[in-house]
């Protein structure tokens, strides 16, 4: 009498068990890896090799973001400045300060400082800094009031829903191009007036700059 099921089905329970373990491990590993503070949690603030205060450089001295992050208007990533960029000022200002010893050594040797990355999207997410910056989306929308930070921290969740909120209604986040790196700029000092002006001017800017409200999966997942 022939068997009802082929012989390979005898291994089916084992194959299912292995599949469950592999899939389960992958899911748990992914959640464990991308669920850490450096990816999702507001407030992540690692200790950096050199203490750098945006509150002093940007907030007090008024330095433009683009002096250090010079590629944000033309590149998908926001580059970190080389140590030689820092030394353009610090070869005169605080040139012998022991806190800047690592910067001086790096500039002399050419070995980059190993900064700890704070804002890091998963590998399956595509984000282009230049597209956002050149369409009126300010640094503060994703990085918070970085001009007030003595130490940079992860200020916004950068989650899928966070991004979609802006993509669905870019007029609520947009600003004039020349104000993108002016991190203290407001539509008006009065919150009510600012909201009214943003509603009117924002829609016009979206139309004039041909800003698309892209929500397809392929916009960010490529």
N, C-alpha and C. Protein backbone atom coordinates (compact mmCIF):
# COMPACT_ATOMS: atom_id res chain seq x y z
N UNK A 1 0.85 -1.19 0.00
CA UNK A 1 0.00 0.00 0.00
C UNK A 1 0.90 1.25 0.00
N UNK A 2 0.65 2.14 -0.95
CA UNK A 2 1.48 3.34 -1.07
C UNK A 2 1.18 4.34 0.04
N UNK A 3 2.20 5.11 0.38
CA UNK A 3 2.02 6.12 1.42
C UNK A 3 1.15 7.26 0.92
N UNK A 4 0.42 7.86 1.85
CA UNK A 4 -0.46 8.99 1.48
C UNK A 4 0.37 10.23 1.19
N UNK A 5 1.43 10.44 1.98
CA UNK A 5 2.28 11.62 1.82
C UNK A 5 3.68 11.18 1.40
N UNK A 6 4.38 12.00 0.60
CA UNK A 6 5.76 11.67 0.22
C UNK A 6 6.67 11.68 1.45
N UNK A 7 7.82 11.02 1.31
CA UNK A 7 8.72 10.88 2.45
C UNK A 7 9.25 12.22 2.99
N UNK A 8 9.41 13.20 2.09
CA UNK A 8 9.99 14.46 2.55
C UNK A 8 9.11 15.17 3.59
N UNK A 9 7.83 14.83 3.61
CA UNK A 9 6.94 15.47 4.57
C UNK A 9 7.26 15.07 6.01
N UNK A 10 8.03 13.95 6.16
CA UNK A 10 8.43 13.55 7.51
C UNK A 10 9.34 14.61 8.16
N UNK A 11 10.03 15.38 7.29
CA UNK A 11 10.93 16.42 7.78
C UNK A 11 10.24 17.78 7.91
N UNK A 12 8.98 17.82 7.52
CA UNK A 12 8.26 19.10 7.51
C UNK A 12 8.23 19.78 8.88
N UNK A 13 7.93 19.05 9.97
CA UNK A 13 7.93 19.72 11.29
C UNK A 13 9.27 20.36 11.62
N UNK A 14 10.38 19.63 11.29
CA UNK A 14 11.71 20.17 11.56
C UNK A 14 11.97 21.42 10.72
N UNK A 15 11.56 21.38 9.44
CA UNK A 15 11.76 22.51 8.54
C UNK A 15 10.98 23.73 9.04
N UNK A 16 9.75 23.49 9.50
CA UNK A 16 8.93 24.58 10.02
C UNK A 16 9.57 25.18 11.27
N UNK A 17 10.05 24.29 12.14
CA UNK A 17 10.69 24.75 13.38
C UNK A 17 11.91 25.60 13.08
N UNK A 18 12.74 25.15 12.13
CA UNK A 18 13.94 25.91 11.76
C UNK A 18 13.54 27.26 11.17
N UNK A 19 12.51 27.26 10.33
CA UNK A 19 12.03 28.51 9.72
C UNK A 19 11.55 29.50 10.77
N UNK A 20 10.82 28.99 11.75
CA UNK A 20 10.31 29.86 12.83
C UNK A 20 11.47 30.46 13.61
N UNK A 21 12.48 29.63 13.90
CA UNK A 21 13.65 30.11 14.65
C UNK A 21 14.40 31.18 13.86
N UNK A 22 14.63 30.93 12.57
CA UNK A 22 15.37 31.89 11.73
C UNK A 22 14.61 33.21 11.61
N UNK A 23 13.32 33.12 11.28
CA UNK A 23 12.51 34.34 11.14
C UNK A 23 12.40 35.08 12.45
N UNK A 24 12.16 34.31 13.53
CA UNK A 24 12.04 34.92 14.84
C UNK A 24 13.32 35.63 15.26
N UNK A 25 14.47 34.98 14.99
CA UNK A 25 15.76 35.58 15.33
C UNK A 25 16.01 36.86 14.54
N UNK A 26 15.64 36.81 13.25
CA UNK A 26 15.82 37.99 12.39
C UNK A 26 14.97 39.16 12.88
N UNK A 27 13.71 38.88 13.20
CA UNK A 27 12.82 39.94 13.67
C UNK A 27 13.30 40.52 14.99
N UNK A 28 13.64 39.63 15.93
CA UNK A 28 14.12 40.09 17.23
C UNK A 28 15.41 40.88 17.08
N UNK A 29 16.32 40.38 16.24
CA UNK A 29 17.58 41.08 16.02
C UNK A 29 17.38 42.45 15.41
N UNK A 30 16.46 42.53 14.43
CA UNK A 30 16.18 43.82 13.80
C UNK A 30 15.60 44.82 14.77
N UNK A 31 14.63 44.37 15.57
CA UNK A 31 14.03 45.25 16.57
C UNK A 31 15.06 45.66 17.61
N UNK A 32 15.90 44.69 18.03
CA UNK A 32 16.92 44.96 19.04
C UNK A 32 17.93 45.99 18.52
N UNK A 33 18.32 45.83 17.24
CA UNK A 33 19.34 46.72 16.65
C UNK A 33 18.78 48.11 16.39
N UNK A 34 17.63 48.18 15.72
CA UNK A 34 17.08 49.48 15.35
C UNK A 34 16.18 50.07 16.43
N UNK A 35 16.01 49.37 17.52
CA UNK A 35 15.20 49.89 18.62
C UNK A 35 16.05 50.51 19.72
N UNK A 36 17.35 50.65 19.46
CA UNK A 36 18.23 51.27 20.45
C UNK A 36 18.08 52.78 20.42
N UNK A 37 18.49 53.47 21.47
CA UNK A 37 18.32 54.92 21.55
C UNK A 37 18.90 55.69 20.37
N UNK A 38 20.03 55.23 19.83
CA UNK A 38 20.66 56.00 18.76
C UNK A 38 19.83 56.02 17.49
N UNK A 39 18.83 55.14 17.38
CA UNK A 39 18.00 55.14 16.18
C UNK A 39 16.61 55.73 16.42
N UNK A 40 16.05 55.52 17.58
CA UNK A 40 14.64 55.87 17.73
C UNK A 40 14.32 56.79 18.90
N UNK A 41 15.13 56.81 19.93
CA UNK A 41 14.72 57.49 21.16
C UNK A 41 15.22 58.91 21.26
N UNK A 42 14.29 59.79 21.51
CA UNK A 42 14.64 61.17 21.74
C UNK A 42 15.47 61.26 23.02
N UNK A 43 16.54 62.03 22.96
CA UNK A 43 17.37 62.21 24.15
C UNK A 43 18.72 61.52 24.09
N UNK A 44 18.94 60.67 23.07
CA UNK A 44 20.24 59.99 22.95
C UNK A 44 21.34 61.04 22.78
N UNK A 45 22.32 61.03 23.67
CA UNK A 45 23.36 62.05 23.66
C UNK A 45 24.68 61.42 24.10
N UNK A 46 25.42 60.82 23.18
CA UNK A 46 26.67 60.16 23.55
C UNK A 46 27.78 61.16 23.86
N UNK A 47 28.77 60.70 24.56
CA UNK A 47 29.95 61.53 24.86
C UNK A 47 30.85 61.51 23.62
N UNK A 48 31.22 62.69 23.15
CA UNK A 48 32.05 62.79 21.95
C UNK A 48 33.53 62.90 22.32
N UNK A 49 34.42 62.58 21.39
CA UNK A 49 35.87 62.66 21.67
C UNK A 49 36.32 64.07 22.04
N UNK A 50 35.66 65.07 21.44
CA UNK A 50 35.96 66.47 21.73
C UNK A 50 34.65 67.17 22.04
N UNK A 51 34.62 67.93 23.10
CA UNK A 51 33.40 68.66 23.46
C UNK A 51 33.21 69.82 22.48
N UNK A 52 32.10 69.78 21.75
CA UNK A 52 31.80 70.84 20.78
C UNK A 52 30.41 71.39 21.10
N UNK A 53 30.33 72.70 21.29
CA UNK A 53 29.07 73.33 21.66
C UNK A 53 28.47 74.09 20.48
N UNK A 54 27.34 73.59 19.97
CA UNK A 54 26.61 74.35 18.94
C UNK A 54 26.03 75.63 19.55
N UNK A 55 25.73 75.59 20.84
CA UNK A 55 25.17 76.78 21.50
C UNK A 55 26.15 77.95 21.43
N UNK A 56 27.45 77.65 21.52
CA UNK A 56 28.46 78.70 21.43
C UNK A 56 28.73 79.08 19.98
N UNK A 57 29.03 78.08 19.15
CA UNK A 57 29.44 78.35 17.77
C UNK A 57 28.29 78.92 16.93
N UNK A 58 27.11 78.33 17.07
CA UNK A 58 25.96 78.76 16.26
C UNK A 58 25.11 79.80 17.00
N UNK A 59 24.77 79.47 18.23
CA UNK A 59 23.88 80.34 18.99
C UNK A 59 24.50 81.68 19.36
N UNK A 60 25.74 81.65 19.87
CA UNK A 60 26.38 82.89 20.32
C UNK A 60 27.18 83.57 19.21
N UNK A 61 27.99 82.80 18.48
CA UNK A 61 28.86 83.39 17.47
C UNK A 61 28.17 83.56 16.12
N UNK A 62 27.03 82.88 15.94
CA UNK A 62 26.26 83.05 14.70
C UNK A 62 26.84 82.35 13.49
N UNK A 63 27.64 81.32 13.68
CA UNK A 63 28.19 80.58 12.54
C UNK A 63 27.08 79.90 11.76
N UNK A 64 27.18 79.94 10.45
CA UNK A 64 26.22 79.28 9.57
C UNK A 64 26.51 77.79 9.52
N UNK A 65 25.47 76.99 9.56
CA UNK A 65 25.62 75.52 9.52
C UNK A 65 26.50 75.06 8.36
N UNK A 66 26.40 75.79 7.25
CA UNK A 66 27.09 75.36 6.03
C UNK A 66 28.61 75.57 6.07
N UNK A 67 29.10 76.30 7.06
CA UNK A 67 30.56 76.46 7.15
C UNK A 67 31.20 75.11 7.49
N UNK A 68 30.58 74.39 8.42
CA UNK A 68 31.10 73.07 8.81
C UNK A 68 30.47 71.95 8.00
N UNK A 69 29.16 72.01 7.82
CA UNK A 69 28.44 70.98 7.05
C UNK A 69 28.27 71.49 5.62
N UNK A 70 29.37 71.56 4.91
CA UNK A 70 29.43 72.25 3.63
C UNK A 70 28.73 71.54 2.48
N UNK A 71 28.38 70.28 2.66
CA UNK A 71 27.81 69.51 1.55
C UNK A 71 26.29 69.40 1.59
N UNK A 72 25.64 69.98 2.60
CA UNK A 72 24.20 69.72 2.78
C UNK A 72 23.33 70.22 1.64
N UNK A 73 23.81 71.18 0.86
CA UNK A 73 23.00 71.72 -0.23
C UNK A 73 23.18 70.94 -1.54
N UNK A 74 24.14 70.03 -1.56
CA UNK A 74 24.39 69.31 -2.80
C UNK A 74 24.59 67.81 -2.63
N UNK A 75 24.51 67.33 -1.41
CA UNK A 75 24.77 65.91 -1.15
C UNK A 75 23.63 65.28 -0.35
N UNK A 76 23.52 63.96 -0.45
CA UNK A 76 22.48 63.25 0.30
C UNK A 76 22.81 63.19 1.78
N UNK A 77 24.09 63.33 2.13
CA UNK A 77 24.48 63.23 3.54
C UNK A 77 25.01 64.58 4.04
N UNK A 78 24.97 64.77 5.35
CA UNK A 78 25.51 65.97 5.96
C UNK A 78 26.92 65.66 6.44
N UNK A 79 27.91 66.17 5.72
CA UNK A 79 29.29 65.84 6.05
C UNK A 79 29.74 66.49 7.35
N UNK A 80 30.65 65.84 8.03
CA UNK A 80 31.30 66.43 9.20
C UNK A 80 32.53 67.20 8.73
N UNK A 81 32.86 68.30 9.39
CA UNK A 81 34.03 69.07 8.97
C UNK A 81 35.32 68.34 9.29
N UNK A 82 36.32 68.58 8.48
CA UNK A 82 37.65 68.03 8.78
C UNK A 82 38.26 68.86 9.89
N UNK A 83 39.28 68.31 10.53
CA UNK A 83 39.95 69.02 11.61
C UNK A 83 40.60 70.30 11.10
N UNK A 84 41.01 70.30 9.83
CA UNK A 84 41.62 71.50 9.26
C UNK A 84 40.61 72.64 9.18
N UNK A 85 39.33 72.30 9.00
CA UNK A 85 38.28 73.33 9.01
C UNK A 85 38.19 73.97 10.38
N UNK A 86 38.25 73.15 11.42
CA UNK A 86 38.22 73.67 12.79
C UNK A 86 39.42 74.59 13.04
N UNK A 87 40.56 74.19 12.49
CA UNK A 87 41.79 74.94 12.74
C UNK A 87 41.84 76.25 11.96
N UNK A 88 40.95 76.44 11.00
CA UNK A 88 40.87 77.74 10.33
C UNK A 88 40.63 78.85 11.34
N UNK A 89 39.87 78.53 12.38
CA UNK A 89 39.63 79.50 13.46
C UNK A 89 40.56 79.25 14.64
N UNK A 90 40.71 77.99 14.99
CA UNK A 90 41.41 77.67 16.24
C UNK A 90 42.94 77.70 16.14
N UNK A 91 43.47 78.06 14.98
CA UNK A 91 44.91 78.33 14.95
C UNK A 91 45.21 79.70 15.53
N UNK A 92 44.13 80.46 15.79
CA UNK A 92 44.26 81.75 16.45
C UNK A 92 43.45 81.78 17.76
N UNK A 93 42.23 81.26 17.70
CA UNK A 93 41.33 81.27 18.86
C UNK A 93 41.55 80.01 19.70
N UNK A 94 41.91 80.19 20.97
CA UNK A 94 42.15 79.06 21.88
C UNK A 94 43.14 78.06 21.28
N UNK A 95 44.16 78.58 20.63
CA UNK A 95 45.07 77.70 19.87
C UNK A 95 45.86 76.74 20.75
N UNK A 96 46.03 77.08 22.04
CA UNK A 96 46.79 76.20 22.94
C UNK A 96 45.90 75.54 23.99
N UNK A 97 44.61 75.65 23.82
CA UNK A 97 43.68 75.09 24.80
C UNK A 97 43.80 73.56 24.82
N UNK A 98 44.01 72.97 25.99
CA UNK A 98 44.17 71.50 26.06
C UNK A 98 42.93 70.74 25.60
N UNK A 99 41.76 71.38 25.65
CA UNK A 99 40.54 70.71 25.20
C UNK A 99 40.55 70.46 23.69
N UNK A 100 41.39 71.17 22.98
CA UNK A 100 41.46 71.04 21.52
C UNK A 100 42.69 70.26 21.07
N UNK A 101 43.35 69.60 21.99
CA UNK A 101 44.57 68.85 21.66
C UNK A 101 44.30 67.80 20.58
N UNK A 102 43.18 67.09 20.70
CA UNK A 102 42.86 66.05 19.72
C UNK A 102 42.60 66.65 18.35
N UNK A 103 42.01 67.83 18.30
CA UNK A 103 41.76 68.50 17.03
C UNK A 103 43.08 68.90 16.39
N UNK A 104 43.98 69.45 17.16
CA UNK A 104 45.30 69.84 16.63
C UNK A 104 46.08 68.63 16.13
N UNK A 105 46.05 67.56 16.91
CA UNK A 105 46.76 66.34 16.50
C UNK A 105 46.17 65.77 15.22
N UNK A 106 44.83 65.80 15.12
CA UNK A 106 44.16 65.27 13.93
C UNK A 106 44.51 66.09 12.70
N UNK A 107 44.52 67.41 12.85
CA UNK A 107 44.86 68.28 11.72
C UNK A 107 46.30 68.06 11.28
N UNK A 108 47.19 67.82 12.24
CA UNK A 108 48.60 67.62 11.93
C UNK A 108 48.86 66.26 11.27
N UNK A 109 48.16 65.23 11.74
CA UNK A 109 48.39 63.87 11.23
C UNK A 109 47.51 63.50 10.05
N UNK A 110 46.40 64.18 9.92
CA UNK A 110 45.46 63.84 8.85
C UNK A 110 44.51 62.71 9.23
N UNK A 111 44.64 62.19 10.46
CA UNK A 111 43.76 61.12 10.92
C UNK A 111 42.46 61.74 11.46
N UNK A 112 41.31 61.35 10.89
CA UNK A 112 40.05 61.95 11.32
C UNK A 112 39.71 61.64 12.77
N UNK A 113 39.01 62.55 13.40
CA UNK A 113 38.50 62.32 14.74
C UNK A 113 37.34 61.34 14.65
N UNK A 114 37.28 60.39 15.55
CA UNK A 114 36.23 59.37 15.52
C UNK A 114 35.00 59.87 16.28
N UNK A 115 34.23 60.75 15.64
CA UNK A 115 33.00 61.26 16.23
C UNK A 115 31.97 60.15 16.35
N UNK A 116 31.14 60.19 17.36
CA UNK A 116 30.08 59.20 17.56
C UNK A 116 28.84 59.67 16.80
N UNK A 117 28.38 58.86 15.86
CA UNK A 117 27.21 59.24 15.07
C UNK A 117 25.96 59.21 15.93
N UNK A 118 25.13 60.24 15.82
CA UNK A 118 23.92 60.34 16.64
C UNK A 118 22.67 60.09 15.81
N UNK A 119 22.58 60.77 14.68
CA UNK A 119 21.41 60.61 13.81
C UNK A 119 21.74 59.60 12.73
N UNK A 120 21.09 58.46 12.81
CA UNK A 120 21.41 57.37 11.88
C UNK A 120 20.12 56.65 11.51
N UNK A 121 19.75 56.72 10.24
CA UNK A 121 18.55 56.02 9.78
C UNK A 121 18.90 54.59 9.41
N UNK A 122 17.94 53.67 9.48
CA UNK A 122 18.20 52.28 9.06
C UNK A 122 18.67 52.23 7.61
N UNK A 123 19.38 51.18 7.27
CA UNK A 123 19.92 51.04 5.92
C UNK A 123 18.84 50.96 4.84
N UNK A 124 17.62 50.58 5.24
CA UNK A 124 16.56 50.45 4.24
C UNK A 124 15.80 51.77 4.02
N UNK A 125 16.29 52.84 4.61
CA UNK A 125 15.65 54.15 4.45
C UNK A 125 16.59 55.08 3.67
N UNK A 126 16.06 55.69 2.62
CA UNK A 126 16.84 56.63 1.83
C UNK A 126 16.43 58.06 2.20
N UNK A 127 17.40 58.89 2.55
CA UNK A 127 17.12 60.29 2.87
C UNK A 127 18.16 61.16 2.21
N UNK A 128 17.72 62.22 1.54
CA UNK A 128 18.62 63.12 0.84
C UNK A 128 18.56 64.51 1.49
N UNK A 129 19.65 64.92 2.13
CA UNK A 129 19.68 66.22 2.78
C UNK A 129 19.46 67.36 1.79
N UNK A 130 20.12 67.29 0.63
CA UNK A 130 20.07 68.41 -0.31
C UNK A 130 18.65 68.68 -0.81
N UNK A 131 17.89 67.62 -1.04
CA UNK A 131 16.51 67.80 -1.52
C UNK A 131 15.67 68.56 -0.51
N UNK A 132 15.85 68.27 0.76
CA UNK A 132 15.07 68.94 1.80
C UNK A 132 15.55 70.37 2.05
N UNK A 133 16.87 70.53 2.16
CA UNK A 133 17.43 71.85 2.47
C UNK A 133 17.14 72.86 1.36
N UNK A 134 17.23 72.42 0.11
CA UNK A 134 17.01 73.33 -1.02
C UNK A 134 15.54 73.51 -1.36
N UNK A 135 14.67 72.91 -0.54
CA UNK A 135 13.22 73.10 -0.72
C UNK A 135 12.60 73.72 0.53
N UNK A 136 13.43 74.38 1.32
CA UNK A 136 12.90 75.16 2.43
C UNK A 136 12.64 74.42 3.72
N UNK A 137 13.24 73.26 3.91
CA UNK A 137 13.08 72.52 5.16
C UNK A 137 14.32 72.76 6.02
N UNK A 138 14.12 73.42 7.15
CA UNK A 138 15.24 73.82 8.01
C UNK A 138 15.81 72.66 8.81
N UNK A 139 17.04 72.83 9.24
CA UNK A 139 17.73 71.84 10.08
C UNK A 139 16.91 71.53 11.34
N UNK A 140 16.24 72.55 11.89
CA UNK A 140 15.54 72.37 13.16
C UNK A 140 14.38 71.39 13.06
N UNK A 141 13.85 71.20 11.86
CA UNK A 141 12.70 70.31 11.70
C UNK A 141 13.05 68.86 12.04
N UNK A 142 14.28 68.46 11.78
CA UNK A 142 14.71 67.09 12.07
C UNK A 142 15.67 67.01 13.26
N UNK A 143 16.43 68.08 13.47
CA UNK A 143 17.45 68.05 14.52
C UNK A 143 17.10 68.86 15.75
N UNK A 144 15.96 69.54 15.74
CA UNK A 144 15.59 70.36 16.88
C UNK A 144 16.42 71.64 16.94
N UNK A 145 16.30 72.37 18.03
CA UNK A 145 17.03 73.63 18.19
C UNK A 145 18.49 73.35 18.53
N UNK A 146 19.18 72.88 17.53
CA UNK A 146 20.58 72.47 17.74
C UNK A 146 21.46 73.66 18.09
N UNK A 147 21.01 74.86 17.73
CA UNK A 147 21.74 76.08 18.06
C UNK A 147 21.74 76.38 19.56
N UNK A 148 20.94 75.64 20.32
CA UNK A 148 20.88 75.82 21.77
C UNK A 148 21.54 74.67 22.53
N UNK A 149 22.11 73.72 21.80
CA UNK A 149 22.65 72.52 22.44
C UNK A 149 24.15 72.64 22.71
N UNK A 150 24.54 72.46 23.98
CA UNK A 150 25.96 72.36 24.30
C UNK A 150 26.52 71.02 23.85
N UNK A 151 25.68 70.00 23.91
CA UNK A 151 26.03 68.68 23.37
C UNK A 151 24.88 68.24 22.49
N UNK A 152 25.19 67.77 21.31
CA UNK A 152 24.15 67.37 20.36
C UNK A 152 23.42 66.15 20.88
N UNK A 153 22.10 66.21 20.81
CA UNK A 153 21.31 65.05 21.18
C UNK A 153 20.28 64.74 20.11
N UNK A 154 19.74 63.54 20.17
CA UNK A 154 18.72 63.09 19.24
C UNK A 154 17.40 63.73 19.68
N UNK A 155 17.02 64.83 19.02
CA UNK A 155 15.89 65.63 19.49
C UNK A 155 14.55 65.20 18.92
N UNK A 156 14.52 64.62 17.74
CA UNK A 156 13.26 64.22 17.09
C UNK A 156 13.26 62.71 16.85
N UNK A 157 12.10 62.07 16.81
CA UNK A 157 12.06 60.61 16.70
C UNK A 157 12.56 60.05 15.37
N UNK A 158 12.44 60.83 14.28
CA UNK A 158 12.85 60.38 12.95
C UNK A 158 12.21 59.05 12.57
N UNK A 159 11.00 58.83 13.04
CA UNK A 159 10.27 57.61 12.72
C UNK A 159 9.54 57.77 11.39
N UNK A 160 8.95 56.71 10.91
CA UNK A 160 8.21 56.76 9.65
C UNK A 160 7.02 57.73 9.76
N UNK A 161 6.32 57.68 10.87
CA UNK A 161 5.18 58.58 11.06
C UNK A 161 5.64 60.03 11.15
N UNK A 162 6.81 60.26 11.75
CA UNK A 162 7.36 61.61 11.85
C UNK A 162 7.62 62.18 10.45
N UNK A 163 8.22 61.38 9.59
CA UNK A 163 8.51 61.82 8.22
C UNK A 163 7.21 62.03 7.43
N UNK A 164 6.26 61.12 7.58
CA UNK A 164 5.01 61.21 6.83
C UNK A 164 4.19 62.44 7.23
N UNK A 165 4.27 62.83 8.49
CA UNK A 165 3.55 64.04 8.92
C UNK A 165 3.98 65.24 8.08
N UNK A 166 5.26 65.33 7.79
CA UNK A 166 5.78 66.43 6.99
C UNK A 166 5.47 66.23 5.51
N UNK A 167 5.60 65.01 5.03
CA UNK A 167 5.33 64.74 3.61
C UNK A 167 3.87 64.97 3.26
N UNK A 168 2.99 64.72 4.19
CA UNK A 168 1.56 64.93 3.94
C UNK A 168 1.20 66.41 3.90
N UNK A 169 1.94 67.21 4.66
CA UNK A 169 1.63 68.64 4.72
C UNK A 169 2.93 69.45 4.80
N UNK A 170 3.68 69.51 3.70
CA UNK A 170 4.97 70.23 3.73
C UNK A 170 4.82 71.73 4.00
N UNK A 171 3.65 72.29 3.71
CA UNK A 171 3.44 73.72 3.92
C UNK A 171 3.58 74.11 5.39
N UNK A 172 3.33 73.16 6.28
CA UNK A 172 3.41 73.44 7.71
C UNK A 172 4.85 73.48 8.22
N UNK A 173 5.81 73.03 7.39
CA UNK A 173 7.22 72.99 7.81
C UNK A 173 8.12 73.88 6.97
N UNK A 174 7.65 74.27 5.82
CA UNK A 174 8.49 74.98 4.86
C UNK A 174 8.78 76.40 5.32
N UNK A 175 9.89 76.94 4.83
CA UNK A 175 10.25 78.33 5.12
C UNK A 175 11.04 78.87 3.93
N UNK A 176 11.28 80.19 3.87
CA UNK A 176 12.08 80.74 2.77
C UNK A 176 13.46 80.09 2.72
N UNK A 177 13.98 79.89 1.51
CA UNK A 177 15.26 79.21 1.34
C UNK A 177 16.38 79.90 2.10
N UNK A 178 16.37 81.22 2.11
CA UNK A 178 17.46 81.94 2.78
C UNK A 178 17.35 81.91 4.30
N UNK A 179 16.30 81.28 4.82
CA UNK A 179 16.12 81.17 6.27
C UNK A 179 16.31 79.74 6.78
N UNK A 180 16.68 78.84 5.88
CA UNK A 180 16.82 77.42 6.25
C UNK A 180 17.85 77.22 7.36
N UNK A 181 18.96 77.91 7.28
CA UNK A 181 20.00 77.75 8.30
C UNK A 181 19.96 78.85 9.36
N UNK A 182 18.93 79.67 9.31
CA UNK A 182 18.70 80.65 10.38
C UNK A 182 17.81 79.95 11.41
N UNK A 183 18.44 79.34 12.40
CA UNK A 183 17.73 78.42 13.29
C UNK A 183 16.82 79.10 14.31
N UNK A 184 16.90 80.41 14.40
CA UNK A 184 16.02 81.15 15.32
C UNK A 184 14.88 81.85 14.59
N UNK A 185 14.83 81.72 13.27
CA UNK A 185 13.85 82.45 12.47
C UNK A 185 12.43 81.93 12.72
N UNK A 186 11.49 82.88 12.77
CA UNK A 186 10.06 82.55 12.91
C UNK A 186 9.27 83.38 11.89
N UNK A 187 8.12 82.87 11.51
CA UNK A 187 7.26 83.64 10.61
C UNK A 187 6.83 84.94 11.28
N UNK A 188 6.65 84.88 12.58
CA UNK A 188 6.29 86.07 13.35
C UNK A 188 6.60 85.79 14.82
N UNK A 189 6.87 86.86 15.57
CA UNK A 189 7.11 86.70 17.00
C UNK A 189 5.86 86.27 17.73
N UNK A 190 4.71 86.61 17.19
CA UNK A 190 3.44 86.23 17.78
C UNK A 190 3.01 84.87 17.24
N UNK A 191 2.85 83.86 18.08
CA UNK A 191 2.52 82.50 17.61
C UNK A 191 1.26 82.44 16.74
N UNK A 192 0.22 83.18 17.10
CA UNK A 192 -1.01 83.16 16.33
C UNK A 192 -0.79 83.75 14.94
N UNK A 193 -0.08 84.87 14.89
CA UNK A 193 0.22 85.51 13.61
C UNK A 193 1.13 84.63 12.76
N UNK A 194 2.09 83.95 13.42
CA UNK A 194 3.01 83.06 12.71
C UNK A 194 2.25 81.91 12.05
N UNK A 195 1.29 81.34 12.77
CA UNK A 195 0.51 80.22 12.23
C UNK A 195 -0.32 80.67 11.04
N UNK A 196 -0.90 81.85 11.13
CA UNK A 196 -1.71 82.38 10.04
C UNK A 196 -0.87 82.65 8.80
N UNK A 197 0.28 83.27 9.01
CA UNK A 197 1.17 83.59 7.90
C UNK A 197 1.75 82.33 7.28
N UNK A 198 2.08 81.36 8.11
CA UNK A 198 2.63 80.09 7.61
C UNK A 198 1.60 79.39 6.73
N UNK A 199 0.34 79.39 7.16
CA UNK A 199 -0.71 78.73 6.40
C UNK A 199 -0.87 79.34 5.01
N UNK A 200 -0.76 80.67 4.95
CA UNK A 200 -0.93 81.35 3.66
C UNK A 200 0.32 81.27 2.80
N UNK A 201 1.47 81.64 3.39
CA UNK A 201 2.72 81.68 2.65
C UNK A 201 3.25 80.28 2.35
N UNK A 202 3.03 79.35 3.29
CA UNK A 202 3.53 78.00 3.11
C UNK A 202 2.97 77.32 1.87
N UNK A 203 1.68 77.42 1.67
CA UNK A 203 1.05 76.80 0.50
C UNK A 203 1.60 77.41 -0.79
N UNK A 204 1.79 78.72 -0.78
CA UNK A 204 2.33 79.39 -1.97
C UNK A 204 3.75 78.92 -2.26
N UNK A 205 4.57 78.78 -1.22
CA UNK A 205 5.94 78.33 -1.41
C UNK A 205 5.99 76.89 -1.93
N UNK A 206 5.09 76.06 -1.44
CA UNK A 206 5.01 74.67 -1.92
C UNK A 206 4.72 74.65 -3.41
N UNK A 207 3.81 75.51 -3.85
CA UNK A 207 3.47 75.58 -5.28
C UNK A 207 4.63 76.17 -6.09
N UNK A 208 5.18 77.25 -5.61
CA UNK A 208 6.23 77.94 -6.37
C UNK A 208 7.49 77.09 -6.51
N UNK A 209 7.82 76.31 -5.47
CA UNK A 209 9.04 75.49 -5.51
C UNK A 209 8.76 74.06 -5.98
N UNK A 210 7.51 73.82 -6.37
CA UNK A 210 7.11 72.50 -6.88
C UNK A 210 7.46 71.38 -5.89
N UNK A 211 7.16 71.63 -4.64
CA UNK A 211 7.39 70.62 -3.60
C UNK A 211 6.29 69.57 -3.69
N UNK A 212 6.69 68.32 -3.84
CA UNK A 212 5.73 67.22 -3.98
C UNK A 212 5.44 66.58 -2.63
N UNK A 213 4.18 66.26 -2.41
CA UNK A 213 3.78 65.57 -1.18
C UNK A 213 3.88 64.06 -1.42
N UNK A 214 5.10 63.57 -1.48
CA UNK A 214 5.35 62.17 -1.82
C UNK A 214 5.11 61.26 -0.63
N UNK A 215 4.27 60.25 -0.85
CA UNK A 215 3.95 59.31 0.23
C UNK A 215 4.08 57.86 -0.21
N UNK A 216 4.53 57.63 -1.43
CA UNK A 216 4.72 56.25 -1.91
C UNK A 216 5.87 55.59 -1.16
N UNK A 217 5.79 54.30 -1.00
CA UNK A 217 6.83 53.55 -0.29
C UNK A 217 8.20 53.76 -0.92
N UNK A 218 8.23 53.83 -2.28
CA UNK A 218 9.50 53.94 -3.00
C UNK A 218 10.17 55.28 -2.81
N UNK A 219 9.47 56.25 -2.24
CA UNK A 219 10.08 57.56 -1.98
C UNK A 219 11.26 57.41 -1.01
N UNK A 220 11.09 56.60 0.01
CA UNK A 220 12.13 56.44 1.03
C UNK A 220 12.74 55.04 1.05
N UNK A 221 12.01 54.06 0.53
CA UNK A 221 12.50 52.66 0.55
C UNK A 221 12.85 52.24 -0.86
N UNK A 222 14.15 52.23 -1.15
CA UNK A 222 14.60 51.93 -2.53
C UNK A 222 15.55 50.75 -2.56
